[in-house]
Amino acid sequence: MNFEQVGQLHALRRFMECYFHQDWDLQGHDSGEVVRSVKKDLSREERDGLVGDLKILLAFDASEEELADAMVVLGSDVVPSMGGSSNRAWLEAMLEALEPR
């Protein structure tokens, strides 16, 4: 995984920059609440793009450190380990919450 590839995940970058910026915790009690709240406001196209980007990112055989770096490149100020989660588990939980049921 390289930063150029990560930079091509436009839907995920927009999402991270908009909802998981420095003050993201003002939008919800935890990241799961933020994702659930935002999900209902996303169009199908937006949600599909975001789900696709998350799947691409998770398909890389990336270490925790590489995923942390990728999240920074994508504009995220979330540090999943502060909540007891790994970066991969946090991204997988976001993917699960966003996928249509």
N, C-alpha and C. Protein backbone atom coordinates (compact mmCIF):
# COMPACT_ATOMS: atom_id res chain seq x y z
N MET A 1 0.86 -1.18 0.00
CA MET A 1 0.00 0.00 0.00
C MET A 1 0.90 1.23 0.00
N ASN A 2 0.58 2.18 -0.88
CA ASN A 2 1.32 3.43 -0.85
C ASN A 2 0.35 4.60 -0.73
N PHE A 3 0.90 5.73 -0.38
CA PHE A 3 0.06 6.89 -0.11
C PHE A 3 -0.66 7.40 -1.36
N GLU A 4 -0.08 7.16 -2.52
CA GLU A 4 -0.76 7.56 -3.76
C GLU A 4 -2.05 6.75 -3.92
N GLN A 5 -1.99 5.46 -3.64
CA GLN A 5 -3.19 4.62 -3.72
C GLN A 5 -4.23 5.07 -2.70
N VAL A 6 -3.79 5.33 -1.50
CA VAL A 6 -4.72 5.79 -0.45
C VAL A 6 -5.36 7.10 -0.84
N GLY A 7 -4.58 7.98 -1.45
CA GLY A 7 -5.11 9.27 -1.87
C GLY A 7 -6.20 9.18 -2.93
N GLN A 8 -6.31 8.04 -3.59
CA GLN A 8 -7.34 7.84 -4.62
C GLN A 8 -8.69 7.41 -4.05
N LEU A 9 -8.74 7.20 -2.75
CA LEU A 9 -9.99 6.78 -2.09
C LEU A 9 -10.80 8.03 -1.75
N HIS A 10 -11.33 8.67 -2.78
CA HIS A 10 -11.95 9.99 -2.63
C HIS A 10 -13.17 10.00 -1.71
N ALA A 11 -14.04 9.02 -1.82
CA ALA A 11 -15.23 9.00 -0.98
C ALA A 11 -14.85 8.84 0.49
N LEU A 12 -13.89 7.98 0.76
CA LEU A 12 -13.45 7.76 2.13
C LEU A 12 -12.74 9.00 2.67
N ARG A 13 -11.97 9.65 1.83
CA ARG A 13 -11.28 10.87 2.26
C ARG A 13 -12.29 11.96 2.64
N ARG A 14 -13.29 12.17 1.79
CA ARG A 14 -14.33 13.18 2.08
C ARG A 14 -15.02 12.85 3.40
N PHE A 15 -15.35 11.58 3.59
CA PHE A 15 -16.03 11.14 4.80
C PHE A 15 -15.17 11.40 6.04
N MET A 16 -13.92 11.00 5.99
CA MET A 16 -13.02 11.19 7.13
C MET A 16 -12.83 12.67 7.44
N GLU A 17 -12.61 13.46 6.39
CA GLU A 17 -12.39 14.89 6.60
C GLU A 17 -13.64 15.59 7.15
N CYS A 18 -14.80 15.15 6.74
CA CYS A 18 -16.04 15.79 7.17
C CYS A 18 -16.50 15.34 8.56
N TYR A 19 -16.32 14.06 8.87
CA TYR A 19 -16.93 13.52 10.08
C TYR A 19 -15.95 13.05 11.14
N PHE A 20 -14.70 12.83 10.78
CA PHE A 20 -13.72 12.37 11.77
C PHE A 20 -12.52 13.30 11.83
N HIS A 21 -12.81 14.58 11.82
CA HIS A 21 -11.80 15.63 11.96
C HIS A 21 -11.47 15.82 13.44
N GLN A 22 -10.72 16.85 13.74
CA GLN A 22 -10.24 17.10 15.10
C GLN A 22 -11.36 17.11 16.15
N ASP A 23 -12.52 17.64 15.82
CA ASP A 23 -13.62 17.75 16.79
C ASP A 23 -14.72 16.71 16.55
N TRP A 24 -14.36 15.57 15.99
CA TRP A 24 -15.35 14.58 15.62
C TRP A 24 -16.20 14.14 16.80
N ASP A 25 -15.63 14.12 17.99
CA ASP A 25 -16.37 13.61 19.15
C ASP A 25 -17.50 14.55 19.58
N LEU A 26 -17.60 15.73 19.00
CA LEU A 26 -18.72 16.62 19.27
C LEU A 26 -19.96 16.18 18.49
N GLN A 27 -19.77 15.30 17.50
CA GLN A 27 -20.87 14.84 16.66
C GLN A 27 -21.53 13.58 17.18
N GLY A 28 -20.95 12.97 18.20
CA GLY A 28 -21.54 11.74 18.75
C GLY A 28 -20.71 11.24 19.91
N HIS A 29 -21.33 10.37 20.68
CA HIS A 29 -20.69 9.81 21.87
C HIS A 29 -19.46 8.98 21.51
N ASP A 30 -19.55 8.27 20.40
CA ASP A 30 -18.43 7.46 19.92
C ASP A 30 -18.49 7.40 18.40
N SER A 31 -17.47 6.80 17.81
CA SER A 31 -17.41 6.78 16.34
C SER A 31 -18.57 6.00 15.73
N GLY A 32 -19.03 4.96 16.41
CA GLY A 32 -20.16 4.19 15.90
C GLY A 32 -21.42 5.04 15.81
N GLU A 33 -21.63 5.88 16.80
CA GLU A 33 -22.80 6.77 16.79
C GLU A 33 -22.69 7.78 15.63
N VAL A 34 -21.50 8.28 15.38
CA VAL A 34 -21.30 9.20 14.27
C VAL A 34 -21.63 8.52 12.95
N VAL A 35 -21.12 7.30 12.76
CA VAL A 35 -21.38 6.57 11.50
C VAL A 35 -22.87 6.30 11.34
N ARG A 36 -23.52 5.84 12.39
CA ARG A 36 -24.97 5.55 12.30
C ARG A 36 -25.76 6.82 11.98
N SER A 37 -25.37 7.93 12.57
CA SER A 37 -26.06 9.19 12.33
C SER A 37 -25.88 9.66 10.89
N VAL A 38 -24.66 9.57 10.41
CA VAL A 38 -24.35 10.02 9.05
C VAL A 38 -24.96 9.09 8.01
N LYS A 39 -25.00 7.81 8.29
CA LYS A 39 -25.49 6.82 7.32
C LYS A 39 -26.87 7.17 6.80
N LYS A 40 -27.74 7.63 7.68
CA LYS A 40 -29.11 7.92 7.24
C LYS A 40 -29.20 9.14 6.34
N ASP A 41 -28.14 9.98 6.35
CA ASP A 41 -28.13 11.17 5.51
C ASP A 41 -27.39 10.97 4.19
N LEU A 42 -26.71 9.84 4.03
CA LEU A 42 -25.97 9.58 2.79
C LEU A 42 -26.91 9.08 1.70
N SER A 43 -26.65 9.53 0.48
CA SER A 43 -27.38 8.97 -0.65
C SER A 43 -26.86 7.56 -0.89
N ARG A 44 -27.57 6.79 -1.64
CA ARG A 44 -27.12 5.43 -1.97
C ARG A 44 -25.77 5.47 -2.67
N GLU A 45 -25.61 6.42 -3.59
CA GLU A 45 -24.36 6.56 -4.33
C GLU A 45 -23.20 6.90 -3.39
N GLU A 46 -23.43 7.81 -2.47
CA GLU A 46 -22.39 8.18 -1.51
C GLU A 46 -22.01 6.99 -0.63
N ARG A 47 -23.02 6.29 -0.14
CA ARG A 47 -22.76 5.14 0.72
C ARG A 47 -22.02 4.05 -0.06
N ASP A 48 -22.43 3.79 -1.29
CA ASP A 48 -21.77 2.77 -2.10
C ASP A 48 -20.31 3.12 -2.36
N GLY A 49 -20.04 4.40 -2.63
CA GLY A 49 -18.67 4.84 -2.85
C GLY A 49 -17.82 4.67 -1.60
N LEU A 50 -18.39 5.00 -0.47
CA LEU A 50 -17.69 4.87 0.80
C LEU A 50 -17.42 3.41 1.14
N VAL A 51 -18.42 2.57 0.96
CA VAL A 51 -18.26 1.13 1.21
C VAL A 51 -17.19 0.56 0.27
N GLY A 52 -17.21 0.95 -0.99
CA GLY A 52 -16.21 0.48 -1.94
C GLY A 52 -14.80 0.88 -1.54
N ASP A 53 -14.64 2.13 -1.11
CA ASP A 53 -13.32 2.60 -0.69
C ASP A 53 -12.84 1.87 0.56
N LEU A 54 -13.73 1.64 1.50
CA LEU A 54 -13.34 0.89 2.71
C LEU A 54 -12.90 -0.52 2.35
N LYS A 55 -13.60 -1.15 1.43
CA LYS A 55 -13.23 -2.51 1.01
C LYS A 55 -11.86 -2.51 0.35
N ILE A 56 -11.58 -1.50 -0.46
CA ILE A 56 -10.27 -1.40 -1.11
C ILE A 56 -9.18 -1.24 -0.06
N LEU A 57 -9.38 -0.32 0.87
CA LEU A 57 -8.38 -0.09 1.91
C LEU A 57 -8.14 -1.35 2.74
N LEU A 58 -9.20 -2.03 3.11
CA LEU A 58 -9.07 -3.23 3.93
C LEU A 58 -8.48 -4.41 3.17
N ALA A 59 -8.56 -4.38 1.85
CA ALA A 59 -8.01 -5.47 1.03
C ALA A 59 -6.48 -5.43 0.98
N PHE A 60 -5.90 -4.26 1.24
CA PHE A 60 -4.44 -4.18 1.31
C PHE A 60 -3.97 -5.01 2.49
N ASP A 61 -2.87 -5.67 2.32
CA ASP A 61 -2.27 -6.44 3.41
C ASP A 61 -1.42 -5.47 4.24
N ALA A 62 -2.11 -4.56 4.93
CA ALA A 62 -1.43 -3.47 5.63
C ALA A 62 -1.29 -3.78 7.12
N SER A 63 -0.18 -3.35 7.67
CA SER A 63 0.05 -3.47 9.11
C SER A 63 -0.80 -2.41 9.83
N GLU A 64 -0.85 -2.52 11.13
CA GLU A 64 -1.56 -1.52 11.93
C GLU A 64 -0.94 -0.14 11.75
N GLU A 65 0.37 -0.10 11.68
CA GLU A 65 1.06 1.17 11.49
C GLU A 65 0.74 1.78 10.12
N GLU A 66 0.70 0.94 9.10
CA GLU A 66 0.36 1.42 7.76
C GLU A 66 -1.09 1.92 7.71
N LEU A 67 -1.99 1.22 8.38
CA LEU A 67 -3.38 1.67 8.42
C LEU A 67 -3.50 2.99 9.18
N ALA A 68 -2.74 3.15 10.26
CA ALA A 68 -2.75 4.42 11.00
C ALA A 68 -2.27 5.55 10.10
N ASP A 69 -1.21 5.30 9.34
CA ASP A 69 -0.69 6.30 8.40
C ASP A 69 -1.73 6.62 7.33
N ALA A 70 -2.39 5.59 6.83
CA ALA A 70 -3.42 5.79 5.79
C ALA A 70 -4.56 6.65 6.33
N MET A 71 -4.95 6.40 7.56
CA MET A 71 -6.04 7.18 8.15
C MET A 71 -5.66 8.65 8.26
N VAL A 72 -4.41 8.93 8.57
CA VAL A 72 -3.93 10.32 8.63
C VAL A 72 -3.98 10.94 7.24
N VAL A 73 -3.50 10.21 6.23
CA VAL A 73 -3.54 10.69 4.85
C VAL A 73 -4.97 10.99 4.43
N LEU A 74 -5.90 10.18 4.90
CA LEU A 74 -7.31 10.36 4.55
C LEU A 74 -7.99 11.47 5.35
N GLY A 75 -7.27 12.07 6.29
CA GLY A 75 -7.84 13.20 7.03
C GLY A 75 -8.51 12.85 8.34
N SER A 76 -8.31 11.64 8.82
CA SER A 76 -8.95 11.21 10.07
C SER A 76 -8.11 11.62 11.28
N ASP A 77 -8.79 12.10 12.30
CA ASP A 77 -8.15 12.39 13.57
C ASP A 77 -8.55 11.36 14.63
N VAL A 78 -9.11 10.25 14.22
CA VAL A 78 -9.49 9.18 15.14
C VAL A 78 -8.27 8.31 15.42
N VAL A 79 -8.12 7.94 16.68
CA VAL A 79 -7.07 7.01 17.08
C VAL A 79 -7.78 5.83 17.75
N PRO A 80 -8.12 4.79 16.96
CA PRO A 80 -8.89 3.68 17.50
C PRO A 80 -8.28 3.03 18.74
N SER A 81 -6.96 3.01 18.83
CA SER A 81 -6.34 2.35 19.98
C SER A 81 -6.69 3.05 21.29
N MET A 82 -7.04 4.32 21.25
CA MET A 82 -7.44 5.02 22.47
C MET A 82 -8.76 4.48 22.99
N GLY A 83 -9.54 3.87 22.11
CA GLY A 83 -10.81 3.26 22.51
C GLY A 83 -10.69 1.76 22.65
N GLY A 84 -9.47 1.24 22.58
CA GLY A 84 -9.25 -0.19 22.76
C GLY A 84 -9.42 -1.01 21.51
N SER A 85 -9.42 -0.38 20.35
CA SER A 85 -9.63 -1.10 19.09
C SER A 85 -8.38 -0.98 18.22
N SER A 86 -8.23 -1.91 17.31
CA SER A 86 -7.17 -1.79 16.31
C SER A 86 -7.71 -0.94 15.16
N ASN A 87 -6.81 -0.43 14.35
CA ASN A 87 -7.22 0.35 13.17
C ASN A 87 -8.07 -0.51 12.24
N ARG A 88 -7.61 -1.74 12.00
CA ARG A 88 -8.35 -2.65 11.11
C ARG A 88 -9.75 -2.94 11.65
N ALA A 89 -9.84 -3.24 12.93
CA ALA A 89 -11.15 -3.54 13.53
C ALA A 89 -12.08 -2.33 13.46
N TRP A 90 -11.52 -1.14 13.67
CA TRP A 90 -12.33 0.07 13.61
C TRP A 90 -12.86 0.30 12.19
N LEU A 91 -12.00 0.12 11.20
CA LEU A 91 -12.42 0.27 9.80
C LEU A 91 -13.43 -0.80 9.41
N GLU A 92 -13.23 -2.02 9.88
CA GLU A 92 -14.17 -3.11 9.59
C GLU A 92 -15.53 -2.84 10.23
N ALA A 93 -15.53 -2.29 11.45
CA ALA A 93 -16.79 -1.95 12.11
C ALA A 93 -17.53 -0.86 11.35
N MET A 94 -16.77 0.11 10.82
CA MET A 94 -17.39 1.17 10.03
C MET A 94 -18.00 0.58 8.76
N LEU A 95 -17.26 -0.31 8.12
CA LEU A 95 -17.76 -0.96 6.91
C LEU A 95 -19.05 -1.73 7.21
N GLU A 96 -19.04 -2.50 8.27
CA GLU A 96 -20.24 -3.26 8.64
C GLU A 96 -21.43 -2.37 8.90
N ALA A 97 -21.19 -1.24 9.58
CA ALA A 97 -22.29 -0.31 9.87
C ALA A 97 -22.84 0.35 8.62
N LEU A 98 -22.00 0.54 7.62
CA LEU A 98 -22.43 1.26 6.41
C LEU A 98 -23.04 0.36 5.35
N GLU A 99 -22.68 -0.93 5.37
CA GLU A 99 -23.19 -1.82 4.33
C GLU A 99 -24.71 -1.95 4.44
N PRO A 100 -25.37 -1.98 3.29
CA PRO A 100 -26.83 -2.13 3.31
C PRO A 100 -27.22 -3.49 3.90
N ARG A 101 -28.31 -3.49 4.58
CA ARG A 101 -28.80 -4.73 5.20
C ARG A 101 -30.05 -5.19 4.53
